[in-house]
Protein backbone atom coordinates (compact mmCIF):
# COMPACT_ATOMS: atom_id res chain seq x y z
CA MET A 1 14.62 -8.60 30.60
CA ASN A 2 16.43 -11.66 29.18
CA ASN A 3 16.12 -13.75 32.55
CA TYR A 4 11.84 -12.40 32.28
CA ILE A 5 11.89 -14.07 28.61
CA GLU A 6 13.24 -17.41 29.77
CA TYR A 7 11.06 -17.48 32.87
CA MET A 8 7.97 -16.93 30.78
CA LYS A 9 9.24 -19.45 28.12
CA ASN A 10 9.79 -22.18 30.75
CA LYS A 11 6.62 -21.53 32.73
CA TYR A 12 3.92 -21.57 29.49
CA LYS A 13 6.39 -23.68 27.25
CA ASN A 14 3.42 -26.18 26.41
CA LYS A 15 0.79 -22.99 25.87
CA ILE A 16 2.67 -20.22 24.23
CA LYS A 17 5.20 -20.10 21.83
CA PHE A 18 7.99 -16.86 22.39
CA PHE A 19 9.95 -15.50 19.55
CA VAL A 20 12.66 -12.67 19.91
CA GLY A 21 14.96 -11.01 17.75
CA LEU A 22 13.44 -11.64 14.25
CA ASN A 23 14.55 -9.45 11.54
CA THR A 24 12.28 -7.79 8.79
CA GLU A 25 11.77 -10.54 6.57
CA GLU A 26 11.28 -13.34 9.30
CA MET A 27 8.60 -11.25 10.83
CA LYS A 28 6.56 -10.45 7.24
CA LYS A 29 6.44 -14.35 7.04
CA PHE A 30 5.79 -15.33 10.94
CA TYR A 31 2.76 -12.65 10.86
CA TYR A 32 0.88 -15.13 8.87
CA MET A 33 1.30 -17.96 11.63
CA LEU A 34 -0.03 -15.95 14.46
CA ASP A 35 -3.37 -15.90 16.27
CA VAL A 36 -2.15 -13.09 18.65
CA PHE A 37 0.82 -10.84 18.17
CA ILE A 38 1.55 -8.78 21.61
CA LEU A 39 3.97 -5.83 21.51
CA THR A 40 5.87 -5.85 24.89
CA SER A 41 7.98 -2.54 24.19
CA GLU A 42 8.17 0.04 27.05
CA ASN A 43 8.67 2.90 24.73
CA GLU A 44 7.28 2.71 21.27
CA SER A 45 6.84 5.76 18.85
CA PHE A 46 4.93 4.67 16.46
CA GLY A 47 3.98 0.99 16.51
CA ARG A 48 4.73 -0.20 13.05
CA THR A 49 5.00 -3.86 13.95
CA LEU A 50 1.28 -3.83 15.35
CA ILE A 51 0.00 -2.32 12.00
CA GLU A 52 1.48 -5.18 10.09
CA ALA A 53 0.22 -7.60 12.39
CA MET A 54 -2.96 -6.06 12.05
CA THR A 55 -2.93 -6.23 8.18
CA LYS A 56 -2.74 -9.98 8.27
CA GLY A 57 -5.68 -10.24 10.57
CA ASN A 58 -3.71 -10.76 14.12
CA ILE A 59 -5.31 -9.86 17.22
CA VAL A 60 -3.03 -7.17 18.67
CA PHE A 61 -2.06 -6.15 22.20
CA GLY A 62 0.25 -3.46 22.91
CA THR A 63 1.78 -1.09 25.80
CA LEU A 64 0.11 2.32 27.04
CA SER A 65 3.53 3.77 25.74
CA GLY A 66 4.16 5.92 22.77
CA GLY A 67 2.23 5.76 19.76
CA VAL A 68 0.73 2.41 20.37
CA PRO A 69 -2.63 3.71 21.45
CA ASP A 70 -3.07 5.85 18.57
CA VAL A 71 -2.74 2.46 16.59
CA ILE A 72 -4.76 0.27 19.05
CA LYS A 73 -8.18 1.83 19.80
CA ASN A 74 -9.93 -0.67 21.71
CA ASN A 75 -8.57 0.08 25.55
CA ASP A 76 -9.20 -3.73 26.21
CA PHE A 77 -6.05 -4.65 24.30
CA LEU A 78 -3.96 -1.94 25.94
CA TYR A 79 -1.78 -2.71 29.34
CA ASN A 80 0.31 -0.82 31.41
CA VAL A 81 4.20 -1.66 31.29
CA GLU A 82 4.57 -2.29 34.61
CA ASP A 83 1.47 -4.88 34.42
């Protein structure tokens, strides 16, 4: 996974900023800086981070796993982990 993240960072470095491994306090501040929040988790039981991002007005995308489809009701914003 780390190789993939590094590959994507290099490929899109002028278009997208990637942030990995932020703690809870950093995330609370971070949501206000976002335009879009993408959850790439392969197994997410509830999707609390999605709800937190949504309360700050962010557009959210997430995987079709665990509880994510219960949080994101619009199928256009859901994707398969394999995609």
